[in-house]
Amino acid sequence: MNIFNLVLIKPLANGLILFYKILGSNMGLAIIGFSLFLRFVLNPLTRPYMNSMKKMKEIAPELERLKKRHTGDRVKLAQAQADLYRQKGVNPGAGCLPYLLQIVILIAFFNLFVKALSPDGDPTTRFNELLYSPLMFSQNDTIETRFLYLDVTKPDVIKLPFVNFPMPGPVLILAALVQFLSAKVMNPYTRLEEKIAKKTKESSDDFQVAMQKSMVYTFPLFTLFIGMRFASGLAIYWFIFSLTQIFQQVKSQGWGELTPWLEKLKSLKS
């Protein structure tokens, strides 16, 4: 067994089956429970990123002044920014590790579903190859993969009578929507960066802001179209994980760009 299987796929398989047996032997419930558990475990890693983003918003006016002062001199600007970050206790790279880890876990989950929860073959036999002895299934056991309207081993797609191609299902749509809302919560920082970029002559600033803005839409679309090819269990995992991420962002940074929307809703209700 290679190191990726040993360090990631095997522990994920055992964790998932542990929750499967605790939560009434339903794979959908197991994925939800295990996703919440993983968010809890990774929370100490993501907290520094949230705190760093909050501080970045606070020092945005000072960054703008630095960019004006050092227009055309990237070396002095980089040094001045580094000094400001150090003075204010900001670590711009604080988010790299947790988000890389989330991607690695997602890849590991994908591999786990391919190995053990493929629609073809017996999932109990495949899981047993990855499970520790106390969690192994007996010969007569079967794994329940039905959850609500889904089979978690198959893509979350629906076929409409008047459309000749499959469409994203509800869970996939919710996962994409939650990613979009998460980006909107973080978007005030992007707006501040956009204002700074417009007042400077560096093309790299405009490129960075354009990339940040495009991610608001490209990541949700990526989730929709790529998710239609993968097991719906992955969509459930990504939806739950992203939803808890929004909760953490709101708790740390507020509602961000969603604040005007919420105020409009409140005014309509009143």
Protein backbone atom coordinates (compact mmCIF):
# COMPACT_ATOMS: atom_id res chain seq x y z
CA MET A 1 0.00 0.00 0.00
CA ASN A 2 1.48 3.38 -1.01
CA ILE A 3 1.92 6.30 1.38
CA PHE A 4 -1.17 8.16 0.09
CA ASN A 5 -3.36 5.13 0.84
CA LEU A 6 -1.75 4.57 4.20
CA VAL A 7 -1.84 8.16 5.46
CA LEU A 8 -5.11 9.42 3.93
CA ILE A 9 -7.39 6.94 2.18
CA LYS A 10 -7.26 4.23 4.84
CA PRO A 11 -7.91 6.59 7.81
CA LEU A 12 -10.75 8.25 5.85
CA ALA A 13 -12.28 4.86 5.07
CA ASN A 14 -12.17 3.81 8.72
CA GLY A 15 -13.52 7.15 9.91
CA LEU A 16 -16.37 6.99 7.42
CA ILE A 17 -17.33 3.44 8.40
CA LEU A 18 -17.10 4.31 12.10
CA PHE A 19 -19.70 7.04 11.54
CA TYR A 20 -21.67 4.66 9.31
CA LYS A 21 -22.03 2.20 12.18
CA ILE A 22 -22.71 4.91 14.78
CA LEU A 23 -25.37 6.74 12.72
CA GLY A 24 -27.65 3.85 11.88
CA SER A 25 -25.88 2.21 8.94
CA ASN A 26 -26.70 4.79 6.29
CA MET A 27 -23.86 6.04 4.10
CA GLY A 28 -25.45 9.46 3.47
CA LEU A 29 -25.73 10.17 7.21
CA ALA A 30 -22.20 8.83 7.69
CA ILE A 31 -20.81 11.27 5.11
CA ILE A 32 -22.61 14.20 6.79
CA GLY A 33 -21.44 13.23 10.27
CA PHE A 34 -17.88 12.57 9.16
CA SER A 35 -17.76 15.87 7.21
CA LEU A 36 -18.77 17.79 10.35
CA PHE A 37 -16.14 15.92 12.33
CA LEU A 38 -13.43 16.79 9.79
CA ARG A 39 -14.43 20.46 9.89
CA PHE A 40 -14.12 20.39 13.69
CA VAL A 41 -10.68 18.78 13.45
CA LEU A 42 -9.44 21.26 10.81
CA ASN A 43 -10.91 24.30 12.55
CA PRO A 44 -7.69 25.14 14.45
CA LEU A 45 -5.87 25.24 11.10
CA THR A 46 -8.40 27.48 9.34
CA ARG A 47 -8.78 29.96 12.21
CA PRO A 48 -5.41 31.68 11.54
CA TYR A 49 -6.50 32.22 7.93
CA MET A 50 -9.77 33.87 8.99
CA ASN A 51 -7.94 36.10 11.47
CA SER A 52 -5.39 37.05 8.82
CA MET A 53 -8.13 37.99 6.33
CA LYS A 54 -9.79 40.18 8.97
CA LYS A 55 -6.51 41.99 9.62
CA MET A 56 -5.94 42.38 5.88
CA LYS A 57 -9.21 44.30 5.64
CA GLU A 58 -8.19 46.52 8.53
CA ILE A 59 -4.85 47.48 6.99
CA ALA A 60 -6.16 47.90 3.42
CA PRO A 61 -5.99 51.74 3.58
CA GLU A 62 -2.34 51.54 4.66
CA LEU A 63 -1.60 49.15 1.79
CA GLU A 64 -3.17 51.65 -0.58
CA ARG A 65 -0.88 54.41 0.70
CA LEU A 66 2.16 52.16 0.30
CA LYS A 67 1.26 51.36 -3.30
CA LYS A 68 0.90 55.05 -4.08
CA ARG A 69 4.19 55.88 -2.38
CA HIS A 70 6.17 53.15 -4.16
CA THR A 71 4.49 53.20 -7.58
CA GLY A 72 6.90 51.74 -10.15
CA ASP A 73 9.31 50.30 -7.56
CA ARG A 74 8.25 46.73 -6.84
CA VAL A 75 11.25 45.95 -4.63
CA LYS A 76 10.59 48.82 -2.21
CA LEU A 77 6.86 48.09 -2.28
CA ALA A 78 7.41 44.42 -1.41
CA GLN A 79 9.73 45.38 1.46
CA ALA A 80 7.29 48.00 2.77
CA GLN A 81 4.42 45.52 2.62
CA ALA A 82 6.48 42.88 4.43
CA ASP A 83 7.33 45.42 7.16
CA LEU A 84 3.66 46.38 7.50
CA TYR A 85 2.55 42.74 7.72
CA ARG A 86 5.16 42.06 10.38
CA GLN A 87 4.19 45.19 12.34
CA LYS A 88 0.46 44.33 12.27
CA GLY A 89 0.94 40.60 12.82
CA VAL A 90 -0.50 39.63 9.43
CA ASN A 91 0.51 36.42 7.70
CA PRO A 92 -0.73 36.50 4.07
CA GLY A 93 0.17 32.84 3.62
CA ALA A 94 -1.75 31.66 6.66
CA GLY A 95 -4.49 30.12 4.53
CA CYS A 96 -2.30 28.02 2.26
CA LEU A 97 -1.96 24.96 4.46
CA PRO A 98 -5.60 24.43 5.48
CA TYR A 99 -6.93 24.99 1.96
CA LEU A 100 -4.32 22.75 0.38
CA LEU A 101 -5.25 20.17 2.99
CA GLN A 102 -8.94 20.51 2.07
CA ILE A 103 -8.08 19.82 -1.58
CA VAL A 104 -5.94 16.84 -0.61
CA ILE A 105 -8.78 15.44 1.53
CA LEU A 106 -11.24 15.95 -1.34
CA ILE A 107 -8.89 14.05 -3.68
CA ALA A 108 -8.54 11.31 -1.07
CA PHE A 109 -12.33 11.08 -0.75
CA PHE A 110 -12.63 10.81 -4.51
CA ASN A 111 -10.11 7.95 -4.51
CA LEU A 112 -11.95 6.28 -1.63
CA PHE A 113 -15.25 6.40 -3.52
CA VAL A 114 -13.58 5.02 -6.64
CA LYS A 115 -11.99 2.20 -4.68
CA ALA A 116 -14.77 1.27 -2.26
CA LEU A 117 -18.09 2.85 -3.29
CA SER A 118 -18.10 2.38 -7.01
CA PRO A 119 -21.53 1.33 -8.39
CA ASP A 120 -19.84 -1.80 -9.71
CA GLY A 121 -18.82 -4.58 -7.36
CA ASP A 122 -19.41 -5.32 -3.68
CA PRO A 123 -18.60 -2.30 -1.45
CA THR A 124 -18.29 -4.42 1.69
CA THR A 125 -15.43 -6.43 0.18
CA ARG A 126 -13.73 -3.30 -1.11
CA PHE A 127 -14.07 -1.50 2.22
CA ASN A 128 -12.72 -4.50 4.11
CA GLU A 129 -9.46 -4.14 2.18
CA LEU A 130 -9.06 -0.70 3.81
CA LEU A 131 -10.58 -1.26 7.25
CA TYR A 132 -8.94 -2.07 10.56
CA SER A 133 -10.06 -5.39 12.03
CA PRO A 134 -12.65 -4.08 14.56
CA LEU A 135 -14.54 -2.21 11.81
CA MET A 136 -14.55 -4.90 9.14
CA PHE A 137 -17.86 -6.12 7.74
CA SER A 138 -18.90 -9.74 8.00
CA GLN A 139 -19.55 -11.81 4.90
CA ASN A 140 -23.33 -11.31 5.07
CA ASP A 141 -23.26 -7.53 5.66
CA THR A 142 -24.38 -5.05 3.01
CA ILE A 143 -23.73 -1.30 2.88
CA GLU A 144 -26.76 0.97 2.53
CA THR A 145 -25.90 3.54 -0.13
CA ARG A 146 -29.40 5.03 -0.58
CA PHE A 147 -29.92 8.45 1.03
CA LEU A 148 -33.03 10.51 0.37
CA TYR A 149 -33.41 10.43 -3.43
CA LEU A 150 -29.71 9.64 -3.97
CA ASP A 151 -27.52 6.64 -4.40
CA VAL A 152 -24.29 8.08 -2.97
CA THR A 153 -22.20 5.95 -5.33
CA LYS A 154 -23.74 7.64 -8.40
CA PRO A 155 -23.68 11.25 -9.65
CA ASP A 156 -26.35 13.69 -8.47
CA VAL A 157 -27.99 14.37 -11.83
CA ILE A 158 -31.58 14.62 -12.97
CA LYS A 159 -33.04 14.03 -16.42
CA LEU A 160 -35.87 16.31 -17.48
CA PRO A 161 -38.31 15.08 -20.13
CA PHE A 162 -37.79 18.13 -22.38
CA VAL A 163 -33.96 18.16 -22.12
CA ASN A 164 -31.71 15.67 -23.91
CA PHE A 165 -28.83 15.89 -21.44
CA PRO A 166 -28.53 15.43 -17.64
CA MET A 167 -28.81 18.43 -15.31
CA PRO A 168 -27.18 19.01 -11.90
CA GLY A 169 -29.21 17.65 -9.00
CA PRO A 170 -30.30 19.55 -5.86
CA VAL A 171 -27.27 18.64 -3.72
CA LEU A 172 -24.84 19.73 -6.43
CA ILE A 173 -26.72 22.99 -6.89
CA LEU A 174 -26.68 23.61 -3.12
CA ALA A 175 -22.93 22.90 -2.98
CA ALA A 176 -22.27 25.40 -5.78
CA LEU A 177 -24.58 27.99 -4.18
CA VAL A 178 -22.83 27.68 -0.83
CA GLN A 179 -19.44 28.19 -2.52
CA PHE A 180 -20.79 31.31 -4.22
CA LEU A 181 -22.11 32.70 -0.92
CA SER A 182 -18.79 31.91 0.77
CA ALA A 183 -16.96 33.93 -1.87
CA LYS A 184 -19.41 36.81 -1.39
CA VAL A 185 -18.75 36.80 2.36
CA MET A 186 -15.05 37.23 1.62
CA ASN A 187 -15.55 39.66 -1.27
CA PRO A 188 -15.19 42.98 0.62
CA TYR A 189 -11.45 42.33 0.67
CA THR A 190 -11.52 41.83 -3.09
CA ARG A 191 -13.37 45.13 -3.50
CA LEU A 192 -10.73 46.94 -1.45
CA GLU A 193 -7.98 45.37 -3.52
CA GLU A 194 -9.82 46.47 -6.67
CA LYS A 195 -9.85 50.09 -5.51
CA ILE A 196 -6.14 49.91 -4.75
CA ALA A 197 -5.35 48.33 -8.12
CA LYS A 198 -7.22 51.06 -10.00
CA LYS A 199 -5.03 53.71 -8.36
CA THR A 200 -1.76 51.95 -9.23
CA LYS A 201 -0.07 51.31 -12.54
CA GLU A 202 1.04 47.75 -11.87
CA SER A 203 -0.66 45.34 -14.29
CA SER A 204 -0.05 42.47 -11.86
CA ASP A 205 -2.41 44.17 -9.37
CA ASP A 206 -5.22 44.21 -11.93
CA PHE A 207 -4.52 40.58 -12.83
CA GLN A 208 -4.65 39.49 -9.17
CA VAL A 209 -7.94 41.30 -8.58
CA ALA A 210 -9.40 39.85 -11.79
CA MET A 211 -8.44 36.35 -10.64
CA GLN A 212 -10.06 36.91 -7.24
CA LYS A 213 -13.27 38.17 -8.83
CA SER A 214 -13.43 35.32 -11.35
CA MET A 215 -13.09 32.74 -8.57
CA VAL A 216 -16.45 33.91 -7.19
CA TYR A 217 -18.10 32.36 -10.26
CA THR A 218 -15.62 29.80 -11.60
CA PHE A 219 -15.43 27.65 -8.46
CA PRO A 220 -19.22 27.17 -8.18
CA LEU A 221 -19.45 26.41 -11.91
CA PHE A 222 -16.56 23.98 -11.56
CA THR A 223 -18.42 22.25 -8.73
CA LEU A 224 -21.56 21.94 -10.87
CA PHE A 225 -20.07 20.54 -14.04
CA ILE A 226 -17.29 18.40 -12.59
CA GLY A 227 -19.57 17.13 -9.82
CA MET A 228 -21.97 15.72 -12.41
CA ARG A 229 -19.33 13.11 -13.24
CA PHE A 230 -18.53 12.00 -9.68
CA ALA A 231 -20.37 10.12 -6.93
CA SER A 232 -23.01 12.21 -5.17
CA GLY A 233 -21.39 11.28 -1.86
CA LEU A 234 -18.62 13.72 -2.79
CA ALA A 235 -21.22 16.44 -3.42
CA ILE A 236 -22.72 15.82 0.04
CA TYR A 237 -19.27 16.07 1.61
CA TRP A 238 -18.40 19.29 -0.24
CA PHE A 239 -21.77 20.88 0.55
CA ILE A 240 -21.49 20.19 4.30
CA PHE A 241 -17.85 21.22 4.42
CA SER A 242 -18.53 24.48 2.53
CA LEU A 243 -21.60 25.27 4.63
CA THR A 244 -19.63 25.02 7.88
CA GLN A 245 -16.92 27.17 6.29
CA ILE A 246 -19.46 29.95 5.72
CA PHE A 247 -20.47 29.74 9.38
CA GLN A 248 -16.83 30.14 10.39
CA GLN A 249 -16.33 33.07 7.99
CA VAL A 250 -19.43 34.91 9.21
CA LYS A 251 -18.43 34.38 12.83
CA SER A 252 -14.95 35.76 12.14
CA GLN A 253 -15.58 38.46 9.51
CA GLY A 254 -19.31 39.20 9.39
CA TRP A 255 -21.57 38.84 6.34
CA GLY A 256 -19.32 40.83 4.03
CA GLU A 257 -20.83 41.67 0.65
CA LEU A 258 -24.02 39.86 1.63
CA THR A 259 -24.76 42.57 4.23
CA PRO A 260 -26.72 44.85 1.81
CA TRP A 261 -28.81 41.86 0.69
CA LEU A 262 -29.67 41.01 4.30
CA GLU A 263 -30.55 44.64 5.04
CA LYS A 264 -32.89 44.72 2.04
CA LEU A 265 -34.59 41.54 3.26
CA LYS A 266 -35.04 43.04 6.71
CA SER A 267 -36.52 46.21 5.23
CA LEU A 268 -38.98 44.15 3.14
CA LYS A 269 -40.10 42.23 6.21
CA SER A 270 -40.62 45.40 8.20
